[in-house]
PDB file of N, CA and C in Angstrom:
ATOM      1  N   MET A   1      57.018  16.536  43.187  1.00  0.00           N
ATOM      2  CA  MET A   1      56.910  15.227  42.588  1.00  0.00           C
ATOM      3  C   MET A   1      56.697  15.323  41.076  1.00  0.00           C
ATOM      4  N   ALA A   2      55.899  16.310  40.655  1.00  0.00           N
ATOM      5  CA  ALA A   2      55.610  16.453  39.232  1.00  0.00           C
ATOM      6  C   ALA A   2      56.871  16.760  38.436  1.00  0.00           C
ATOM      7  N   PHE A   3      57.732  17.626  38.984  1.00  0.00           N
ATOM      8  CA  PHE A   3      58.948  17.983  38.263  1.00  0.00           C
ATOM      9  C   PHE A   3      59.896  16.798  38.164  1.00  0.00           C
ATOM     10  N   LYS A   4      59.921  15.961  39.174  1.00  0.00           N
ATOM     11  CA  LYS A   4      60.772  14.770  39.159  1.00  0.00           C
ATOM     12  C   LYS A   4      60.296  13.795  38.079  1.00  0.00           C
ATOM     13  N   GLN A   5      58.993  13.626  37.967  1.00  0.00           N
ATOM     14  CA  GLN A   5      58.443  12.742  36.939  1.00  0.00           C
ATOM     15  C   GLN A   5      58.741  13.280  35.542  1.00  0.00           C
ATOM     16  N   MET A   6      58.581  14.600  35.373  1.00  0.00           N
ATOM     17  CA  MET A   6      58.869  15.202  34.073  1.00  0.00           C
ATOM     18  C   MET A   6      60.360  15.125  33.757  1.00  0.00           C
ATOM     19  N   GLU A   7      61.196  15.218  34.779  1.00  0.00           N
ATOM     20  CA  GLU A   7      62.632  15.091  34.578  1.00  0.00           C
ATOM     21  C   GLU A   7      62.988  13.667  34.137  1.00  0.00           C
ATOM     22  N   ASN A   8      62.345  12.668  34.726  1.00  0.00           N
ATOM     23  CA  ASN A   8      62.572  11.280  34.323  1.00  0.00           C
ATOM     24  C   ASN A   8      62.146  11.043  32.877  1.00  0.00           C
ATOM     25  N   ILE A   9      61.040  11.640  32.474  1.00  0.00           N
ATOM     26  CA  ILE A   9      60.593  11.533  31.085  1.00  0.00           C
ATOM     27  C   ILE A   9      61.622  12.181  30.165  1.00  0.00           C
ATOM     28  N   ALA A  10      62.167  13.321  30.578  1.00  0.00           N
ATOM     29  CA  ALA A  10      63.187  14.002  29.776  1.00  0.00           C
ATOM     30  C   ALA A  10      64.449  13.152  29.649  1.00  0.00           C
ATOM     31  N   PHE A  11      64.832  12.440  30.707  1.00  0.00           N
ATOM     32  CA  PHE A  11      65.987  11.540  30.638  1.00  0.00           C
ATOM     33  C   PHE A  11      65.727  10.405  29.648  1.00  0.00           C
ATOM     34  N   PHE A  12      64.517   9.864  29.690  1.00  0.00           N
ATOM     35  CA  PHE A  12      64.148   8.807  28.745  1.00  0.00           C
ATOM     36  C   PHE A  12      64.226   9.321  27.311  1.00  0.00           C
ATOM     37  N   LEU A  13      63.696  10.527  27.081  1.00  0.00           N
ATOM     38  CA  LEU A  13      63.705  11.092  25.732  1.00  0.00           C
ATOM     39  C   LEU A  13      65.124  11.381  25.252  1.00  0.00           C
ATOM     40  N   ALA A  14      66.008  11.790  26.157  1.00  0.00           N
ATOM     41  CA  ALA A  14      67.404  12.035  25.781  1.00  0.00           C
ATOM     42  C   ALA A  14      68.066  10.738  25.327  1.00  0.00           C
ATOM     43  N   PHE A  15      67.758   9.635  26.001  1.00  0.00           N
ATOM     44  CA  PHE A  15      68.288   8.335  25.586  1.00  0.00           C
ATOM     45  C   PHE A  15      67.680   7.906  24.253  1.00  0.00           C
ATOM     46  N   ALA A  16      66.364   8.047  24.128  1.00  0.00           N
ATOM     47  CA  ALA A  16      65.669   7.611  22.915  1.00  0.00           C
ATOM     48  C   ALA A  16      66.101   8.427  21.703  1.00  0.00           C
ATOM     49  N   GLU A  17      66.450   9.688  21.913  1.00  0.00           N
ATOM     50  CA  GLU A  17      66.874  10.567  20.824  1.00  0.00           C
ATOM     51  C   GLU A  17      68.099  10.023  20.101  1.00  0.00           C
ATOM     52  N   LYS A  18      68.940   9.296  20.821  1.00  0.00           N
ATOM     53  CA  LYS A  18      70.166   8.754  20.235  1.00  0.00           C
ATOM     54  C   LYS A  18      69.900   7.528  19.375  1.00  0.00           C
ATOM     55  N   HIS A  19      68.772   6.858  19.580  1.00  0.00           N
ATOM     56  CA  HIS A  19      68.545   5.574  18.929  1.00  0.00           C
ATOM     57  C   HIS A  19      67.303   5.524  18.046  1.00  0.00           C
ATOM     58  N   VAL A  20      66.428   6.501  18.156  1.00  0.00           N
ATOM     59  CA  VAL A  20      65.150   6.480  17.447  1.00  0.00           C
ATOM     60  C   VAL A  20      65.079   7.690  16.525  1.00  0.00           C
ATOM     61  N   ALA A  21      64.403   7.535  15.399  1.00  0.00           N
ATOM     62  CA  ALA A  21      64.224   8.653  14.475  1.00  0.00           C
ATOM     63  C   ALA A  21      63.466   9.790  15.163  1.00  0.00           C
ATOM     64  N   LYS A  22      63.802  11.010  14.784  1.00  0.00           N
ATOM     65  CA  LYS A  22      63.193  12.184  15.425  1.00  0.00           C
ATOM     66  C   LYS A  22      61.672  12.210  15.239  1.00  0.00           C
ATOM     67  N   SER A  23      61.208  11.690  14.114  1.00  0.00           N
ATOM     68  CA  SER A  23      59.765  11.680  13.850  1.00  0.00           C
ATOM     69  C   SER A  23      59.014  10.703  14.751  1.00  0.00           C
ATOM     70  N   GLU A  24      59.733   9.797  15.423  1.00  0.00           N
ATOM     71  CA  GLU A  24      59.090   8.811  16.289  1.00  0.00           C
ATOM     72  C   GLU A  24      59.155   9.188  17.763  1.00  0.00           C
ATOM     73  N   LEU A  25      59.694  10.347  18.081  1.00  0.00           N
ATOM     74  CA  LEU A  25      59.781  10.797  19.471  1.00  0.00           C
ATOM     75  C   LEU A  25      58.497  11.521  19.877  1.00  0.00           C
ATOM     76  N   PHE A  26      58.312  11.694  21.162  1.00  0.00           N
ATOM     77  CA  PHE A  26      57.175  12.446  21.682  1.00  0.00           C
ATOM     78  C   PHE A  26      57.692  13.549  22.593  1.00  0.00           C
ATOM     79  N   GLN A  27      56.809  14.443  22.994  1.00  0.00           N
ATOM     80  CA  GLN A  27      57.183  15.502  23.919  1.00  0.00           C
ATOM     81  C   GLN A  27      56.779  15.091  25.332  1.00  0.00           C
ATOM     82  N   THR A  28      57.404  15.716  26.311  1.00  0.00           N
ATOM     83  CA  THR A  28      57.157  15.361  27.709  1.00  0.00           C
ATOM     84  C   THR A  28      55.681  15.479  28.073  1.00  0.00           C
ATOM     85  N   VAL A  29      55.022  16.534  27.625  1.00  0.00           N
ATOM     86  CA  VAL A  29      53.606  16.726  27.973  1.00  0.00           C
ATOM     87  C   VAL A  29      52.717  15.664  27.337  1.00  0.00           C
ATOM     88  N   ASP A  30      53.168  15.066  26.222  1.00  0.00           N
ATOM     89  CA  ASP A  30      52.377  14.010  25.592  1.00  0.00           C
ATOM     90  C   ASP A  30      52.158  12.848  26.551  1.00  0.00           C
ATOM     91  N   LEU A  31      53.171  12.537  27.350  1.00  0.00           N
ATOM     92  CA  LEU A  31      53.044  11.450  28.319  1.00  0.00           C
ATOM     93  C   LEU A  31      52.502  11.953  29.654  1.00  0.00           C
ATOM     94  N   TYR A  32      53.062  13.036  30.180  1.00  0.00           N
ATOM     95  CA  TYR A  32      52.707  13.497  31.526  1.00  0.00           C
ATOM     96  C   TYR A  32      51.248  13.917  31.623  1.00  0.00           C
ATOM     97  N   GLU A  33      50.758  14.634  30.612  1.00  0.00           N
ATOM     98  CA  GLU A  33      49.371  15.099  30.633  1.00  0.00           C
ATOM     99  C   GLU A  33      48.460  14.249  29.751  1.00  0.00           C
ATOM    100  N   ALA A  34      48.986  13.143  29.245  1.00  0.00           N
ATOM    101  CA  ALA A  34      48.233  12.215  28.383  1.00  0.00           C
ATOM    102  C   ALA A  34      47.599  12.931  27.194  1.00  0.00           C
ATOM    103  N   GLN A  35      48.358  13.833  26.575  1.00  0.00           N
ATOM    104  CA  GLN A  35      47.830  14.577  25.437  1.00  0.00           C
ATOM    105  C   GLN A  35      47.881  13.764  24.147  1.00  0.00           C
ATOM    106  N   ASP A  36      48.949  12.979  23.963  1.00  0.00           N
ATOM    107  CA  ASP A  36      49.089  12.202  22.731  1.00  0.00           C
ATOM    108  C   ASP A  36      49.641  10.815  23.053  1.00  0.00           C
ATOM    109  N   PRO A  37      48.805   9.927  23.574  1.00  0.00           N
ATOM    110  CA  PRO A  37      49.298   8.592  23.930  1.00  0.00           C
ATOM    111  C   PRO A  37      49.766   7.788  22.721  1.00  0.00           C
ATOM    112  N   ASN A  38      49.235   8.100  21.544  1.00  0.00           N
ATOM    113  CA  ASN A  38      49.659   7.394  20.335  1.00  0.00           C
ATOM    114  C   ASN A  38      51.130   7.679  20.026  1.00  0.00           C
ATOM    115  N   ALA A  39      51.568   8.922  20.194  1.00  0.00           N
ATOM    116  CA  ALA A  39      52.969   9.276  19.956  1.00  0.00           C
ATOM    117  C   ALA A  39      53.881   8.561  20.946  1.00  0.00           C
ATOM    118  N   VAL A  40      53.425   8.419  22.177  1.00  0.00           N
ATOM    119  CA  VAL A  40      54.206   7.710  23.199  1.00  0.00           C
ATOM    120  C   VAL A  40      54.339   6.243  22.808  1.00  0.00           C
ATOM    121  N   LEU A  41      53.258   5.637  22.350  1.00  0.00           N
ATOM    122  CA  LEU A  41      53.278   4.237  21.945  1.00  0.00           C
ATOM    123  C   LEU A  41      54.200   4.018  20.748  1.00  0.00           C
ATOM    124  N   ILE A  42      54.189   4.937  19.799  1.00  0.00           N
ATOM    125  CA  ILE A  42      55.075   4.830  18.634  1.00  0.00           C
ATOM    126  C   ILE A  42      56.530   4.861  19.071  1.00  0.00           C
ATOM    127  N   CYS A  43      56.865   5.757  19.982  1.00  0.00           N
ATOM    128  CA  CYS A  43      58.238   5.863  20.476  1.00  0.00           C
ATOM    129  C   CYS A  43      58.650   4.595  21.217  1.00  0.00           C
ATOM    130  N   LEU A  44      57.792   4.094  22.086  1.00  0.00           N
ATOM    131  CA  LEU A  44      58.110   2.878  22.837  1.00  0.00           C
ATOM    132  C   LEU A  44      58.277   1.677  21.908  1.00  0.00           C
ATOM    133  N   SER A  45      57.419   1.566  20.905  1.00  0.00           N
ATOM    134  CA  SER A  45      57.522   0.459  19.954  1.00  0.00           C
ATOM    135  C   SER A  45      58.808   0.543  19.153  1.00  0.00           C
ATOM    136  N   SER A  46      59.156   1.736  18.736  1.00  0.00           N
ATOM    137  CA  SER A  46      60.384   1.921  17.970  1.00  0.00           C
ATOM    138  C   SER A  46      61.614   1.579  18.795  1.00  0.00           C
ATOM    139  N   LEU A  47      61.630   2.012  20.038  1.00  0.00           N
ATOM    140  CA  LEU A  47      62.763   1.710  20.913  1.00  0.00           C
ATOM    141  C   LEU A  47      62.814   0.216  21.241  1.00  0.00           C
ATOM    142  N   ALA A  48      61.661  -0.420  21.352  1.00  0.00           N
ATOM    143  CA  ALA A  48      61.625  -1.863  21.613  1.00  0.00           C
ATOM    144  C   ALA A  48      62.191  -2.650  20.434  1.00  0.00           C
ATOM    145  N   ARG A  49      61.948  -2.176  19.205  1.00  0.00           N
ATOM    146  CA  ARG A  49      62.523  -2.830  18.028  1.00  0.00           C
ATOM    147  C   ARG A  49      64.041  -2.753  18.041  1.00  0.00           C
ATOM    148  N   LYS A  50      64.556  -1.631  18.530  1.00  0.00           N
ATOM    149  CA  LYS A  50      66.003  -1.426  18.557  1.00  0.00           C
ATOM    150  C   LYS A  50      66.679  -2.181  19.696  1.00  0.00           C
ATOM    151  N   SER A  51      65.914  -2.684  20.650  1.00  0.00           N
ATOM    152  CA  SER A  51      66.503  -3.305  21.839  1.00  0.00           C
ATOM    153  C   SER A  51      67.342  -4.528  21.504  1.00  0.00           C
ATOM    154  N   GLU A  52      67.003  -5.213  20.419  1.00  0.00           N
ATOM    155  CA  GLU A  52      67.770  -6.398  20.046  1.00  0.00           C
ATOM    156  C   GLU A  52      69.206  -6.023  19.693  1.00  0.00           C
ATOM    157  N   LYS A  53      69.380  -4.949  18.937  1.00  0.00           N
ATOM    158  CA  LYS A  53      70.733  -4.499  18.582  1.00  0.00           C
ATOM    159  C   LYS A  53      71.439  -3.846  19.764  1.00  0.00           C
ATOM    160  N   LEU A  54      70.692  -3.083  20.554  1.00  0.00           N
ATOM    161  CA  LEU A  54      71.307  -2.323  21.639  1.00  0.00           C
ATOM    162  C   LEU A  54      71.733  -3.198  22.809  1.00  0.00           C
ATOM    163  N   PHE A  55      70.857  -4.105  23.217  1.00  0.00           N
ATOM    164  CA  PHE A  55      71.085  -4.845  24.455  1.00  0.00           C
ATOM    165  C   PHE A  55      71.181  -6.352  24.269  1.00  0.00           C
ATOM    166  N   GLY A  56      70.937  -6.843  23.061  1.00  0.00           N
ATOM    167  CA  GLY A  56      70.956  -8.277  22.836  1.00  0.00           C
ATOM    168  C   GLY A  56      69.739  -8.989  23.389  1.00  0.00           C
ATOM    169  N   LYS A  57      68.718  -8.239  23.724  1.00  0.00           N
ATOM    170  CA  LYS A  57      67.472  -8.809  24.254  1.00  0.00           C
ATOM    171  C   LYS A  57      66.471  -8.941  23.108  1.00  0.00           C
ATOM    172  N   PRO A  58      65.523  -9.865  23.218  1.00  0.00           N
ATOM    173  CA  PRO A  58      64.520  -9.979  22.155  1.00  0.00           C
ATOM    174  C   PRO A  58      63.675  -8.713  22.065  1.00  0.00           C
ATOM    175  N   GLY A  59      63.423  -8.281  20.841  1.00  0.00           N
ATOM    176  CA  GLY A  59      62.662  -7.061  20.623  1.00  0.00           C
ATOM    177  C   GLY A  59      61.169  -7.309  20.662  1.00  0.00           C
ATOM    178  N   LEU A  60      60.422  -6.242  20.521  1.00  0.00           N
ATOM    179  CA  LEU A  60      58.968  -6.299  20.516  1.00  0.00           C
ATOM    180  C   LEU A  60      58.504  -6.004  19.097  1.00  0.00           C
ATOM    181  N   GLY A  61      57.636  -6.820  18.568  1.00  0.00           N
ATOM    182  CA  GLY A  61      57.115  -6.585  17.236  1.00  0.00           C
ATOM    183  C   GLY A  61      58.048  -7.112  16.164  1.00  0.00           C
ATOM    184  N   PRO A  62      57.825  -6.684  14.923  1.00  0.00           N
ATOM    185  CA  PRO A  62      58.633  -7.200  13.818  1.00  0.00           C
ATOM    186  C   PRO A  62      60.081  -6.718  13.907  1.00  0.00           C
ATOM    187  N   LYS A  63      60.987  -7.537  13.388  1.00  0.00           N
ATOM    188  CA  LYS A  63      62.398  -7.192  13.388  1.00  0.00           C
ATOM    189  C   LYS A  63      62.627  -6.037  12.417  1.00  0.00           C
ATOM    190  N   GLU A  64      63.479  -5.118  12.810  1.00  0.00           N
ATOM    191  CA  GLU A  64      63.761  -3.967  11.966  1.00  0.00           C
ATOM    192  C   GLU A  64      64.566  -4.400  10.742  1.00  0.00           C
ATOM    193  N   ALA A  65      64.202  -3.889   9.592  1.00  0.00           N
ATOM    194  CA  ALA A  65      64.869  -4.252   8.346  1.00  0.00           C
ATOM    195  C   ALA A  65      66.287  -3.700   8.320  1.00  0.00           C
ATOM    196  N   GLU A  66      67.165  -4.473   7.709  1.00  0.00           N
ATOM    197  CA  GLU A  66      68.545  -4.031   7.537  1.00  0.00           C
ATOM    198  C   GLU A  66      68.741  -3.659   6.078  1.00  0.00           C
ATOM    199  N   GLY A  67      69.554  -2.662   5.826  1.00  0.00           N
ATOM    200  CA  GLY A  67      69.817  -2.233   4.462  1.00  0.00           C
ATOM    201  C   GLY A  67      70.557  -3.300   3.679  1.00  0.00           C
ATOM    202  N   GLU A  68      70.239  -3.406   2.397  1.00  0.00           N
ATOM    203  CA  GLU A  68      70.893  -4.388   1.548  1.00  0.00           C
ATOM    204  C   GLU A  68      71.948  -3.682   0.703  1.00  0.00           C
ATOM    205  N   LYS A  69      73.168  -4.148   0.807  1.00  0.00           N
ATOM    206  CA  LYS A  69      74.259  -3.562   0.030  1.00  0.00           C
ATOM    207  C   LYS A  69      74.189  -4.101  -1.390  1.00  0.00           C
ATOM    208  N   ARG A  70      74.283  -3.206  -2.359  1.00  0.00           N
ATOM    209  CA  ARG A  70      74.255  -3.613  -3.761  1.00  0.00           C
ATOM    210  C   ARG A  70      75.543  -3.161  -4.428  1.00  0.00           C
ATOM    211  N   ALA A  71      76.082  -4.034  -5.230  1.00  0.00           N
ATOM    212  CA  ALA A  71      77.298  -3.713  -5.979  1.00  0.00           C
ATOM    213  C   ALA A  71      76.973  -3.817  -7.462  1.00  0.00           C
ATOM    214  N   TRP A  72      77.033  -2.691  -8.161  1.00  0.00           N
ATOM    215  CA  TRP A  72      76.742  -2.653  -9.586  1.00  0.00           C
ATOM    216  C   TRP A  72      78.056  -2.568 -10.355  1.00  0.00           C
ATOM    217  N   THR A  73      78.110  -3.302 -11.461  1.00  0.00           N
ATOM    218  CA  THR A  73      79.286  -3.193 -12.325  1.00  0.00           C
ATOM    219  C   THR A  73      79.135  -1.940 -13.177  1.00  0.00           C
ATOM    220  N   GLU A  74      80.235  -1.508 -13.749  1.00  0.00           N
ATOM    221  CA  GLU A  74      80.208  -0.312 -14.604  1.00  0.00           C
ATOM    222  C   GLU A  74      79.305  -0.541 -15.816  1.00  0.00           C
ATOM    223  N   GLU A  75      79.302  -1.763 -16.320  1.00  0.00           N
ATOM    224  CA  GLU A  75      78.470  -2.110 -17.474  1.00  0.00           C
ATOM    225  C   GLU A  75      76.980  -2.001 -17.137  1.00  0.00           C
ATOM    226  N   GLN A  76      76.592  -2.447 -15.944  1.00  0.00           N
ATOM    227  CA  GLN A  76      75.196  -2.365 -15.518  1.00  0.00           C
ATOM    228  C   GLN A  76      74.761  -0.916 -15.324  1.00  0.00           C
ATOM    229  N   LEU A  77      75.646  -0.079 -14.795  1.00  0.00           N
ATOM    230  CA  LEU A  77      75.311   1.331 -14.603  1.00  0.00           C
ATOM    231  C   LEU A  77      75.103   2.038 -15.937  1.00  0.00           C
ATOM    232  N   LYS A  78      75.935   1.739 -16.926  1.00  0.00           N
ATOM    233  CA  LYS A  78      75.790   2.353 -18.250  1.00  0.00           C
ATOM    234  C   LYS A  78      74.521   1.872 -18.940  1.00  0.00           C
ATOM    235  N   ALA A  79      74.175   0.600 -18.767  1.00  0.00           N
ATOM    236  CA  ALA A  79      72.961   0.060 -19.381  1.00  0.00           C
ATOM    237  C   ALA A  79      71.719   0.728 -18.790  1.00  0.00           C
ATOM    238  N   GLY A  80      71.746   1.053 -17.529  1.00  0.00           N
ATOM    239  CA  GLY A  80      70.610   1.698 -16.888  1.00  0.00           C
ATOM    240  C   GLY A  80      70.383   3.126 -17.350  1.00  0.00           C
ATOM    241  N   GLN A  81      71.418   3.778 -17.846  1.00  0.00           N
ATOM    242  CA  GLN A  81      71.278   5.158 -18.320  1.00  0.00           C
ATOM    243  C   GLN A  81      70.558   5.231 -19.659  1.00  0.00           C
ATOM    244  N   ASN A  82      70.516   4.135 -20.405  1.00  0.00           N
ATOM    245  CA  ASN A  82      69.880   4.131 -21.720  1.00  0.00           C
ATOM    246  C   ASN A  82      68.387   3.830 -21.656  1.00  0.00           C
ATOM    247  N   VAL A  83      67.880   3.434 -20.516  1.00  0.00           N
ATOM    248  CA  VAL A  83      66.473   3.074 -20.378  1.00  0.00           C
ATOM    249  C   VAL A  83      65.664   4.324 -20.037  1.00  0.00           C
ATOM    250  N   ILE A  84      64.610   4.547 -20.805  1.00  0.00           N
ATOM    251  CA  ILE A  84      63.699   5.655 -20.506  1.00  0.00           C
ATOM    252  C   ILE A  84      62.409   5.032 -19.995  1.00  0.00           C
ATOM    253  N   GLY A  85      62.119   5.259 -18.760  1.00  0.00           N
ATOM    254  CA  GLY A  85      60.934   4.666 -18.154  1.00  0.00           C
ATOM    255  C   GLY A  85      59.670   5.397 -18.541  1.00  0.00           C
ATOM    256  N   LEU A  86      58.541   4.725 -18.384  1.00  0.00           N
ATOM    257  CA  LEU A  86      57.256   5.354 -18.690  1.00  0.00           C
ATOM    258  C   LEU A  86      56.907   6.454 -17.704  1.00  0.00           C
ATOM    259  N   GLN A  87      57.635   6.520 -16.571  1.00  0.00           N
ATOM    260  CA  GLN A  87      57.349   7.560 -15.602  1.00  0.00           C
ATOM    261  C   GLN A  87      57.794   8.932 -16.110  1.00  0.00           C
ATOM    262  N   MET A  88      58.667   8.955 -17.074  1.00  0.00           N
ATOM    263  CA  MET A  88      59.223  10.229 -17.544  1.00  0.00           C
ATOM    264  C   MET A  88      58.366  10.798 -18.665  1.00  0.00           C
ATOM    265  N   GLY A  89      57.297  11.423 -18.336  1.00  0.00           N
ATOM    266  CA  GLY A  89      56.499  12.141 -19.321  1.00  0.00           C
ATOM    267  C   GLY A  89      55.553  11.281 -20.130  1.00  0.00           C
ATOM    268  N   SER A  90      55.121  10.173 -19.626  1.00  0.00           N
ATOM    269  CA  SER A  90      54.189   9.329 -20.362  1.00  0.00           C
ATOM    270  C   SER A  90      52.812   9.986 -20.378  1.00  0.00           C
ATOM    271  N   ASN A  91      52.171   9.949 -21.531  1.00  0.00           N
ATOM    272  CA  ASN A  91      50.820  10.492 -21.661  1.00  0.00           C
ATOM    273  C   ASN A  91      49.839   9.399 -22.036  1.00  0.00           C
ATOM    274  N   LYS A  92      50.142   8.173 -21.668  1.00  0.00           N
ATOM    275  CA  LYS A  92      49.282   7.067 -22.055  1.00  0.00           C
ATOM    276  C   LYS A  92      48.045   6.952 -21.177  1.00  0.00           C
ATOM    277  N   GLY A  93      48.046   7.575 -20.033  1.00  0.00           N
ATOM    278  CA  GLY A  93      46.903   7.481 -19.130  1.00  0.00           C
ATOM    279  C   GLY A  93      45.932   8.629 -19.328  1.00  0.00           C
ATOM    280  N   ALA A  94      45.041   8.788 -18.399  1.00  0.00           N
ATOM    281  CA  ALA A  94      44.062   9.864 -18.456  1.00  0.00           C
ATOM    282  C   ALA A  94      44.753  11.202 -18.234  1.00  0.00           C
ATOM    283  N   THR A  95      44.335  12.199 -18.974  1.00  0.00           N
ATOM    284  CA  THR A  95      44.902  13.535 -18.821  1.00  0.00           C
ATOM    285  C   THR A  95      43.783  14.524 -18.514  1.00  0.00           C
ATOM    286  N   ALA A  96      44.165  15.700 -18.150  1.00  0.00           N
ATOM    287  CA  ALA A  96      43.196  16.741 -17.835  1.00  0.00           C
ATOM    288  C   ALA A  96      43.025  17.704 -19.005  1.00  0.00           C
ATOM    289  N   SER A  97      43.407  17.292 -20.202  1.00  0.00           N
ATOM    290  CA  SER A  97      43.270  18.185 -21.348  1.00  0.00           C
ATOM    291  C   SER A  97      41.799  18.324 -21.717  1.00  0.00           C
ATOM    292  N   GLY A  98      41.417  19.482 -22.141  1.00  0.00           N
ATOM    293  CA  GLY A  98      40.053  19.729 -22.564  1.00  0.00           C
ATOM    294  C   GLY A  98      39.095  20.089 -21.444  1.00  0.00           C
ATOM    295  N   ILE A  99      39.594  20.311 -20.248  1.00  0.00           N
ATOM    296  CA  ILE A  99      38.719  20.681 -19.138  1.00  0.00           C
ATOM    297  C   ILE A  99      38.539  22.191 -19.148  1.00  0.00           C
ATOM    298  N   ASN A 100      37.304  22.633 -19.089  1.00  0.00           N
ATOM    299  CA  ASN A 100      37.001  24.057 -19.034  1.00  0.00           C
ATOM    300  C   ASN A 100      36.467  24.372 -17.646  1.00  0.00           C
ATOM    301  N   PHE A 101      37.247  25.091 -16.874  1.00  0.00           N
ATOM    302  CA  PHE A 101      36.832  25.433 -15.524  1.00  0.00           C
ATOM    303  C   PHE A 101      35.831  26.575 -15.568  1.00  0.00           C
ATOM    304  N   GLY A 102      34.726  26.402 -14.890  1.00  0.00           N
ATOM    305  CA  GLY A 102      33.732  27.454 -14.792  1.00  0.00           C
ATOM    306  C   GLY A 102      32.675  27.410 -15.874  1.00  0.00           C
ATOM    307  N   LEU A 103      32.841  26.589 -16.870  1.00  0.00           N
ATOM    308  CA  LEU A 103      31.840  26.496 -17.927  1.00  0.00           C
ATOM    309  C   LEU A 103      31.000  25.242 -17.734  1.00  0.00           C
ATOM    310  N   SER A 104      29.802  25.261 -18.277  1.00  0.00           N
ATOM    311  CA  SER A 104      28.958  24.072 -18.196  1.00  0.00           C
ATOM    312  C   SER A 104      29.362  23.094 -19.292  1.00  0.00           C
ATOM    313  N   ARG A 105      28.979  21.848 -19.103  1.00  0.00           N
ATOM    314  CA  ARG A 105      29.287  20.831 -20.106  1.00  0.00           C
ATOM    315  C   ARG A 105      28.319  20.957 -21.271  1.00  0.00           C
ATOM    316  N   HIS A 106      28.841  20.884 -22.469  1.00  0.00           N
ATOM    317  CA  HIS A 106      28.002  20.948 -23.666  1.00  0.00           C
ATOM    318  C   HIS A 106      27.745  19.529 -24.135  1.00  0.00           C
ATOM    319  N   MET A 107      26.479  19.136 -24.134  1.00  0.00           N
ATOM    320  CA  MET A 107      26.146  17.768 -24.550  1.00  0.00           C
ATOM    321  C   MET A 107      25.309  17.767 -25.782  1.00  0.00           C
TER     322      MET A 107
END
């Protein structure tokens, strides 16, 4: 009986593998031996979100986001190349300069 149950879990995982991200899957022992019920819940929730697209049935939880297609003109792409963001080497915030590791503070 145990092998049949584990085989059924493996069949479920084979189906889920096609529709769910690999990071959201669980291993057979996670469910059979109750080692990681949180991983099982994540997989079930993820598959339930996909059910609307797969089967036309209402999903569970929030609707999965769809990618937004963006079309940029050549002029917009060239304008974006001239912008230098503050993320590129900005030193306006706090820095670690002047730290002496291993020495006491001189006051």
